[in-house]
Amino acid sequence: MSADGKWKVTINTPMGAQTVNVDIATSGDTFTGKTESPMGSQDVSGKVDGDKLTWSSNITNPMPMTLEFEATVSGDTMTGNVKLGAFGNAPLKGERIG
């Protein structure tokens, strides 16, 4: 499994669908990357375990919270879940775009 590349990820939050572009570069059991969305860009890093990726992201908009991501990559698709702090969970889906 290789998650390397550019991804378009949609998170179905209680405030509606949010789209984030993610650029991922794996190295062994870790990865680094960058997210870009209408709310800004952020460097990210996380863990790789087989076909699963996990990482967290601190956001300030619409309010400060830590998002915890867990995603499974299968070919050119990604599915998973985002823990939205005290606001529960939101499913995510992604597709490789480059």
N, C-alpha and C. Protein backbone atom coordinates (compact mmCIF):
# COMPACT_ATOMS: atom_id res chain seq x y z
N MET A 1 0.85 -1.18 0.00
CA MET A 1 0.00 0.00 0.00
C MET A 1 0.89 1.23 0.00
N SER A 2 0.57 2.14 -0.88
CA SER A 2 1.27 3.41 -0.86
C SER A 2 0.25 4.54 -0.83
N ALA A 3 0.35 5.36 0.19
CA ALA A 3 -0.55 6.50 0.30
C ALA A 3 0.08 7.75 -0.29
N ASP A 4 1.30 7.61 -0.84
CA ASP A 4 1.99 8.77 -1.39
C ASP A 4 1.17 9.43 -2.48
N GLY A 5 1.19 10.75 -2.47
CA GLY A 5 0.52 11.51 -3.53
C GLY A 5 -0.40 12.57 -2.98
N LYS A 6 -1.19 13.12 -3.90
CA LYS A 6 -2.15 14.16 -3.55
C LYS A 6 -3.54 13.55 -3.47
N TRP A 7 -4.28 13.96 -2.45
CA TRP A 7 -5.61 13.42 -2.18
C TRP A 7 -6.62 14.55 -2.01
N LYS A 8 -7.83 14.31 -2.47
CA LYS A 8 -8.96 15.20 -2.19
C LYS A 8 -9.82 14.46 -1.18
N VAL A 9 -9.92 15.00 0.03
CA VAL A 9 -10.62 14.34 1.13
C VAL A 9 -11.85 15.17 1.51
N THR A 10 -13.00 14.50 1.61
CA THR A 10 -14.23 15.15 2.03
C THR A 10 -14.63 14.61 3.40
N ILE A 11 -14.84 15.53 4.35
CA ILE A 11 -15.24 15.18 5.71
C ILE A 11 -16.68 15.65 5.89
N ASN A 12 -17.58 14.74 6.24
CA ASN A 12 -18.99 15.09 6.42
C ASN A 12 -19.24 15.50 7.86
N THR A 13 -19.01 16.79 8.15
CA THR A 13 -19.14 17.32 9.51
C THR A 13 -20.58 17.74 9.80
N PRO A 14 -20.89 17.98 11.07
CA PRO A 14 -22.22 18.49 11.41
C PRO A 14 -22.51 19.85 10.75
N MET A 15 -21.46 20.58 10.34
CA MET A 15 -21.64 21.87 9.67
C MET A 15 -21.65 21.72 8.15
N GLY A 16 -21.76 20.49 7.66
CA GLY A 16 -21.76 20.24 6.23
C GLY A 16 -20.43 19.66 5.77
N ALA A 17 -20.39 19.26 4.51
CA ALA A 17 -19.20 18.64 3.94
C ALA A 17 -18.06 19.65 3.84
N GLN A 18 -16.88 19.26 4.28
CA GLN A 18 -15.68 20.08 4.21
C GLN A 18 -14.66 19.33 3.35
N THR A 19 -14.09 20.02 2.35
CA THR A 19 -13.12 19.40 1.47
C THR A 19 -11.72 19.91 1.79
N VAL A 20 -10.78 18.97 1.87
CA VAL A 20 -9.39 19.27 2.19
C VAL A 20 -8.51 18.56 1.18
N ASN A 21 -7.52 19.26 0.63
CA ASN A 21 -6.51 18.62 -0.21
C ASN A 21 -5.34 18.25 0.68
N VAL A 22 -4.87 17.01 0.55
CA VAL A 22 -3.79 16.50 1.39
C VAL A 22 -2.69 15.96 0.50
N ASP A 23 -1.46 16.36 0.75
CA ASP A 23 -0.29 15.86 0.04
C ASP A 23 0.48 14.99 1.03
N ILE A 24 0.66 13.70 0.70
CA ILE A 24 1.25 12.72 1.63
C ILE A 24 2.53 12.14 1.06
N ALA A 25 3.56 12.03 1.92
CA ALA A 25 4.81 11.35 1.57
C ALA A 25 5.14 10.40 2.72
N THR A 26 5.08 9.09 2.45
CA THR A 26 5.36 8.10 3.48
C THR A 26 6.85 7.80 3.55
N SER A 27 7.28 7.36 4.74
CA SER A 27 8.65 6.92 4.95
C SER A 27 8.61 5.88 6.06
N GLY A 28 8.60 4.59 5.67
CA GLY A 28 8.52 3.53 6.66
C GLY A 28 7.18 3.56 7.36
N ASP A 29 7.21 3.69 8.70
CA ASP A 29 5.97 3.67 9.47
C ASP A 29 5.47 5.07 9.84
N THR A 30 5.97 6.10 9.12
CA THR A 30 5.50 7.47 9.36
C THR A 30 5.22 8.15 8.02
N PHE A 31 4.54 9.29 8.10
CA PHE A 31 4.35 10.11 6.91
C PHE A 31 4.36 11.58 7.30
N THR A 32 4.66 12.40 6.32
CA THR A 32 4.57 13.85 6.47
C THR A 32 3.72 14.37 5.31
N GLY A 33 3.21 15.56 5.48
CA GLY A 33 2.40 16.11 4.42
C GLY A 33 1.92 17.50 4.74
N LYS A 34 1.00 17.96 3.90
CA LYS A 34 0.44 19.28 4.05
C LYS A 34 -1.03 19.22 3.67
N THR A 35 -1.86 19.90 4.46
CA THR A 35 -3.28 20.00 4.13
C THR A 35 -3.57 21.43 3.67
N GLU A 36 -4.50 21.54 2.72
CA GLU A 36 -4.94 22.85 2.26
C GLU A 36 -6.45 22.83 2.14
N SER A 37 -7.07 23.86 2.73
CA SER A 37 -8.52 23.98 2.69
C SER A 37 -8.88 25.46 2.66
N PRO A 38 -10.15 25.77 2.51
CA PRO A 38 -10.54 27.18 2.56
C PRO A 38 -10.17 27.85 3.88
N MET A 39 -9.93 27.06 4.93
CA MET A 39 -9.56 27.63 6.23
C MET A 39 -8.06 27.78 6.40
N GLY A 40 -7.27 27.45 5.36
CA GLY A 40 -5.82 27.62 5.44
C GLY A 40 -5.08 26.32 5.20
N SER A 41 -3.77 26.39 5.37
CA SER A 41 -2.93 25.20 5.17
C SER A 41 -2.20 24.87 6.46
N GLN A 42 -1.80 23.60 6.56
CA GLN A 42 -1.14 23.14 7.78
C GLN A 42 -0.25 21.95 7.44
N ASP A 43 0.94 21.92 8.01
CA ASP A 43 1.81 20.75 7.91
C ASP A 43 1.27 19.68 8.84
N VAL A 44 1.32 18.42 8.38
CA VAL A 44 0.86 17.31 9.20
C VAL A 44 1.91 16.20 9.19
N SER A 45 1.87 15.37 10.21
CA SER A 45 2.69 14.17 10.25
C SER A 45 1.91 13.13 11.04
N GLY A 46 2.15 11.87 10.69
CA GLY A 46 1.41 10.82 11.36
C GLY A 46 2.06 9.48 11.21
N LYS A 47 1.29 8.44 11.53
CA LYS A 47 1.78 7.07 11.52
C LYS A 47 1.16 6.27 10.39
N VAL A 48 1.93 5.32 9.89
CA VAL A 48 1.48 4.37 8.87
C VAL A 48 1.54 2.99 9.50
N ASP A 49 0.44 2.24 9.41
CA ASP A 49 0.38 0.87 9.91
C ASP A 49 -0.31 0.04 8.85
N GLY A 50 0.48 -0.56 7.95
CA GLY A 50 -0.10 -1.31 6.84
C GLY A 50 -0.83 -0.36 5.90
N ASP A 51 -2.15 -0.53 5.78
CA ASP A 51 -2.93 0.36 4.91
C ASP A 51 -3.64 1.46 5.69
N LYS A 52 -3.29 1.63 6.98
CA LYS A 52 -3.95 2.64 7.81
C LYS A 52 -3.03 3.82 8.11
N LEU A 53 -3.63 5.01 8.07
CA LEU A 53 -2.93 6.25 8.42
C LEU A 53 -3.64 6.86 9.62
N THR A 54 -2.87 7.38 10.57
CA THR A 54 -3.46 8.11 11.70
C THR A 54 -2.65 9.39 11.90
N TRP A 55 -3.38 10.48 12.20
CA TRP A 55 -2.75 11.75 12.49
C TRP A 55 -3.74 12.67 13.19
N SER A 56 -3.22 13.74 13.76
CA SER A 56 -4.10 14.73 14.38
C SER A 56 -3.76 16.10 13.83
N SER A 57 -4.73 16.99 13.95
CA SER A 57 -4.58 18.34 13.43
C SER A 57 -5.27 19.31 14.38
N ASN A 58 -4.58 20.37 14.74
CA ASN A 58 -5.18 21.39 15.59
C ASN A 58 -5.73 22.50 14.70
N ILE A 59 -7.02 22.82 14.90
CA ILE A 59 -7.64 23.87 14.11
C ILE A 59 -8.10 24.99 15.04
N THR A 60 -8.33 26.16 14.48
CA THR A 60 -8.83 27.30 15.24
C THR A 60 -10.15 27.82 14.69
N ASN A 61 -10.53 27.36 13.47
CA ASN A 61 -11.74 27.85 12.83
C ASN A 61 -12.63 26.67 12.49
N PRO A 62 -13.88 26.58 12.85
CA PRO A 62 -14.69 27.64 13.44
C PRO A 62 -14.44 27.85 14.93
N MET A 63 -13.75 26.90 15.58
CA MET A 63 -13.38 27.06 16.98
C MET A 63 -12.16 26.19 17.25
N PRO A 64 -11.38 26.51 18.28
CA PRO A 64 -10.19 25.69 18.56
C PRO A 64 -10.57 24.26 18.97
N MET A 65 -9.96 23.29 18.30
CA MET A 65 -10.13 21.89 18.68
C MET A 65 -9.08 21.05 17.98
N THR A 66 -8.89 19.84 18.49
CA THR A 66 -7.98 18.88 17.87
C THR A 66 -8.81 17.85 17.13
N LEU A 67 -8.50 17.67 15.86
CA LEU A 67 -9.15 16.65 15.04
C LEU A 67 -8.24 15.44 14.99
N GLU A 68 -8.81 14.25 15.21
CA GLU A 68 -8.03 13.02 15.17
C GLU A 68 -8.51 12.18 13.99
N PHE A 69 -7.61 11.94 13.03
CA PHE A 69 -7.93 11.24 11.80
C PHE A 69 -7.49 9.79 11.84
N GLU A 70 -8.30 8.92 11.27
CA GLU A 70 -7.93 7.53 11.02
C GLU A 70 -8.48 7.17 9.64
N ALA A 71 -7.60 6.77 8.74
CA ALA A 71 -8.02 6.48 7.37
C ALA A 71 -7.37 5.21 6.86
N THR A 72 -8.12 4.48 6.04
CA THR A 72 -7.62 3.28 5.39
C THR A 72 -7.52 3.55 3.90
N VAL A 73 -6.35 3.26 3.33
CA VAL A 73 -6.12 3.47 1.90
C VAL A 73 -6.26 2.15 1.17
N SER A 74 -7.02 2.18 0.08
CA SER A 74 -7.18 1.01 -0.79
C SER A 74 -7.07 1.50 -2.23
N GLY A 75 -5.90 1.28 -2.84
CA GLY A 75 -5.69 1.76 -4.20
C GLY A 75 -5.73 3.27 -4.23
N ASP A 76 -6.68 3.82 -5.00
CA ASP A 76 -6.80 5.27 -5.14
C ASP A 76 -7.94 5.85 -4.32
N THR A 77 -8.40 5.10 -3.30
CA THR A 77 -9.46 5.62 -2.43
C THR A 77 -9.02 5.56 -0.97
N MET A 78 -9.65 6.40 -0.17
CA MET A 78 -9.37 6.48 1.26
C MET A 78 -10.72 6.60 1.97
N THR A 79 -10.90 5.83 3.04
CA THR A 79 -12.10 5.95 3.86
C THR A 79 -11.67 5.98 5.31
N GLY A 80 -12.49 6.59 6.15
CA GLY A 80 -12.12 6.63 7.55
C GLY A 80 -13.04 7.49 8.38
N ASN A 81 -12.47 7.99 9.47
CA ASN A 81 -13.23 8.70 10.48
C ASN A 81 -12.38 9.82 11.06
N VAL A 82 -13.06 10.91 11.44
CA VAL A 82 -12.41 12.02 12.13
C VAL A 82 -13.13 12.25 13.45
N LYS A 83 -12.38 12.23 14.55
CA LYS A 83 -12.96 12.60 15.85
C LYS A 83 -12.90 14.11 15.95
N LEU A 84 -14.08 14.72 16.17
CA LEU A 84 -14.20 16.17 16.18
C LEU A 84 -14.25 16.71 17.61
N GLY A 85 -13.25 16.40 18.39
CA GLY A 85 -13.24 16.86 19.77
C GLY A 85 -14.50 16.42 20.49
N ALA A 86 -15.20 17.36 21.13
CA ALA A 86 -16.42 17.07 21.88
C ALA A 86 -17.64 16.92 20.98
N PHE A 87 -17.46 17.07 19.66
CA PHE A 87 -18.59 17.06 18.74
C PHE A 87 -18.79 15.73 18.03
N GLY A 88 -18.21 14.66 18.54
CA GLY A 88 -18.44 13.34 17.98
C GLY A 88 -17.51 13.01 16.83
N ASN A 89 -18.03 12.20 15.91
CA ASN A 89 -17.24 11.69 14.80
C ASN A 89 -17.84 12.12 13.47
N ALA A 90 -16.99 12.15 12.44
CA ALA A 90 -17.45 12.46 11.10
C ALA A 90 -16.74 11.52 10.13
N PRO A 91 -17.49 10.92 9.19
CA PRO A 91 -16.84 10.04 8.22
C PRO A 91 -16.04 10.86 7.20
N LEU A 92 -15.01 10.24 6.67
CA LEU A 92 -14.24 10.88 5.60
C LEU A 92 -14.10 9.91 4.43
N LYS A 93 -14.04 10.50 3.24
CA LYS A 93 -13.77 9.75 2.01
C LYS A 93 -12.79 10.56 1.20
N GLY A 94 -11.87 9.86 0.56
CA GLY A 94 -10.89 10.56 -0.25
C GLY A 94 -10.59 9.84 -1.54
N GLU A 95 -10.08 10.61 -2.50
CA GLU A 95 -9.64 10.02 -3.77
C GLU A 95 -8.31 10.62 -4.14
N ARG A 96 -7.45 9.77 -4.70
CA ARG A 96 -6.13 10.25 -5.12
C ARG A 96 -6.32 11.12 -6.36
N ILE A 97 -5.71 12.30 -6.34
CA ILE A 97 -5.83 13.22 -7.47
C ILE A 97 -4.49 13.50 -8.12
N GLY A 98 -3.45 12.84 -7.66
CA GLY A 98 -2.14 13.05 -8.27
C GLY A 98 -1.05 12.34 -7.55
